[in-house]
Protein backbone atom coordinates (compact mmCIF):
# COMPACT_ATOMS: atom_id res chain seq x y z
CA MET A 1 -29.37 -13.08 2.43
CA PRO A 2 -30.20 -10.34 4.95
CA ARG A 3 -28.81 -12.53 7.74
CA ALA A 4 -25.51 -12.91 5.90
CA ALA A 5 -25.32 -9.17 5.29
CA ALA A 6 -26.03 -8.45 8.96
CA ALA A 7 -23.38 -10.94 10.03
CA ALA A 8 -20.83 -9.43 7.64
CA PHE A 9 -21.64 -5.94 8.93
CA THR A 10 -21.24 -7.08 12.54
CA VAL A 11 -17.89 -8.74 11.82
CA SER A 12 -16.61 -5.64 10.01
CA LEU A 13 -17.63 -3.42 12.94
CA ALA A 14 -15.83 -5.73 15.35
CA ALA A 15 -12.72 -5.70 13.15
CA ALA A 16 -12.82 -1.90 12.95
CA GLY A 17 -13.10 -1.66 16.73
CA PHE A 18 -10.20 -4.04 17.18
CA TRP A 19 -8.10 -2.05 14.69
CA HIS A 20 -8.90 1.18 16.52
CA ARG A 21 -7.95 -0.24 19.93
CA LEU A 22 -4.79 -1.82 18.53
CA HIS A 23 -3.47 1.36 16.94
CA GLY A 24 -4.61 3.89 19.50
CA ASP A 25 -6.79 6.94 19.25
CA ASP A 26 -4.55 9.40 17.43
CA ARG A 27 -2.92 8.00 14.30
CA GLN A 28 -1.91 11.47 13.13
CA SER A 29 0.44 11.84 16.09
CA ALA A 30 2.28 8.69 15.00
CA ILE A 31 2.70 10.11 11.49
CA ARG A 32 4.00 13.39 12.92
CA LEU A 33 6.43 11.53 15.17
CA ASP A 34 7.80 9.55 12.21
CA ALA A 35 8.24 12.78 10.24
CA ILE A 36 10.12 14.35 13.14
CA ARG A 37 12.37 11.29 13.52
CA PHE A 38 13.16 11.32 9.80
CA ALA A 39 13.92 15.05 9.88
CA ASP A 40 16.23 14.54 12.86
CA ARG A 41 18.02 11.68 11.09
CA CYS A 42 18.56 13.82 7.97
CA GLN A 43 19.93 16.69 10.07
CA ILE A 44 18.43 19.22 7.66
CA PRO A 45 15.35 21.33 8.20
CA LEU A 46 12.43 19.55 6.54
CA GLY A 47 8.79 20.43 6.65
CA ARG A 48 6.18 17.79 7.31
CA ALA A 49 4.73 18.36 3.86
CA ALA A 50 8.04 17.50 2.16
CA ILE A 51 8.09 14.15 3.93
CA GLN A 52 4.42 13.40 3.29
CA VAL A 53 4.97 13.80 -0.46
CA ALA A 54 6.50 10.31 -0.28
CA PHE A 55 3.06 8.86 0.49
CA SER A 56 1.60 10.68 -2.52
CA ILE A 57 4.34 9.26 -4.74
CA PHE A 58 3.60 5.78 -3.38
CA VAL A 59 -0.13 6.07 -4.11
CA LEU A 60 0.40 7.50 -7.59
CA THR A 61 2.83 4.77 -8.65
CA GLU A 62 0.68 2.09 -7.04
CA THR A 63 -2.51 3.08 -8.86
CA TRP A 64 -1.49 4.59 -12.19
CA LEU A 65 0.87 1.79 -13.22
CA VAL A 66 -1.61 -1.06 -12.73
CA PRO A 67 -2.44 -1.23 -16.49
CA VAL A 68 1.25 -1.75 -17.25
CA GLU A 69 1.48 -4.37 -14.53
CA GLY A 70 -1.62 -6.03 -16.01
CA TRP A 71 0.22 -6.30 -19.32
CA PHE A 72 3.08 -8.04 -17.50
CA VAL A 73 0.58 -10.47 -15.93
CA ASP A 74 -0.79 -11.33 -19.37
CA ARG A 75 2.70 -11.74 -20.78
CA PHE A 76 4.53 -13.57 -17.95
CA GLY A 77 1.79 -14.87 -15.63
CA PRO A 78 0.63 -13.81 -12.16
CA LYS A 79 3.16 -15.82 -10.17
CA ILE A 80 6.23 -13.98 -11.45
CA VAL A 81 4.56 -10.56 -11.24
CA VAL A 82 3.54 -11.08 -7.60
CA LEU A 83 7.01 -12.40 -6.78
CA ILE A 84 8.75 -9.40 -8.33
CA GLY A 85 6.23 -7.04 -6.71
CA GLY A 86 6.95 -8.53 -3.30
CA VAL A 87 10.69 -8.19 -3.84
CA LEU A 88 10.24 -4.54 -4.85
CA VAL A 89 8.22 -3.83 -1.70
CA GLY A 90 10.92 -5.48 0.42
CA ILE A 91 13.62 -3.39 -1.25
CA ALA A 92 11.55 -0.26 -0.60
CA TRP A 93 11.20 -1.12 3.10
CA VAL A 94 14.95 -1.55 3.44
CA MET A 95 15.54 1.74 1.58
CA ASN A 96 13.08 3.51 3.87
CA ALA A 97 14.87 2.15 6.91
CA PHE A 98 18.15 3.72 5.78
CA ALA A 99 16.81 6.84 4.03
CA ASP A 100 18.76 9.93 4.99
CA SER A 101 17.58 12.28 2.24
CA LEU A 102 14.34 13.16 0.54
CA VAL A 103 15.58 11.80 -2.78
CA LEU A 104 16.12 8.37 -1.27
CA LEU A 105 12.78 8.52 0.55
CA TYR A 106 10.95 9.46 -2.68
CA THR A 107 12.76 6.76 -4.66
CA ALA A 108 11.83 4.15 -2.07
CA ALA A 109 8.21 5.33 -2.18
CA ALA A 110 8.11 4.95 -5.97
CA ILE A 111 9.66 1.46 -5.84
CA GLY A 112 7.29 0.41 -3.08
CA GLY A 113 4.29 1.75 -4.99
CA ILE A 114 5.23 -0.17 -8.11
CA GLY A 115 5.63 -3.37 -6.10
CA ALA A 116 2.42 -2.93 -4.10
CA GLY A 117 0.48 -2.11 -7.25
CA ALA A 118 1.81 -5.23 -8.96
CA VAL A 119 0.73 -7.44 -6.08
CA TYR A 120 -2.64 -5.76 -5.54
CA GLY A 121 -3.57 -5.51 -9.22
CA THR A 122 -2.63 -9.12 -9.89
CA CYS A 123 -4.57 -10.46 -6.91
CA ILE A 124 -7.70 -8.43 -7.66
CA GLY A 125 -7.54 -9.41 -11.33
CA ASN A 126 -7.37 -13.09 -10.44
CA ALA A 127 -10.21 -12.79 -7.92
CA LEU A 128 -12.37 -11.20 -10.63
CA LYS A 129 -11.66 -14.15 -12.93
CA TRP A 130 -12.64 -16.62 -10.22
CA PHE A 131 -16.02 -14.98 -9.54
CA PRO A 132 -17.24 -13.45 -12.81
CA ASP A 133 -20.82 -13.13 -11.60
CA ARG A 134 -19.77 -11.33 -8.36
CA ARG A 135 -17.29 -8.78 -9.71
CA GLY A 136 -18.38 -5.98 -7.38
CA LEU A 137 -18.03 -8.19 -4.34
CA CYS A 138 -14.53 -9.27 -5.39
CA ALA A 139 -13.20 -5.82 -6.21
CA GLY A 140 -14.69 -4.20 -3.14
């Protein structure tokens, strides 16, 4: 088992290094640039914090609604919940592409969070059912 753990650690370090090289050294500058582009497209003075609230809305709707999405999985099955979640994420991406106000940006973040939470919660729930003796390994 120690060999497998060492191999997994080595692979994860290599993946992290690849990710870092792929996305550059300063990810915060990319976020700032996106905020500036959005503010220019809106043609109204917006602070960076007002735009970054969208990410908070996304995370809140993604995480806090998972119990409700779990109820939908029990009622309708995982296939339909993942399908609808994927459609919601796609709709959110299109809305983000054309967002010209904070209201539209926040609405798209909420829709995307609901969809991402539906997909993530369903997939993790199914993985936990497949490996009941390795729940911690499945859930991460």
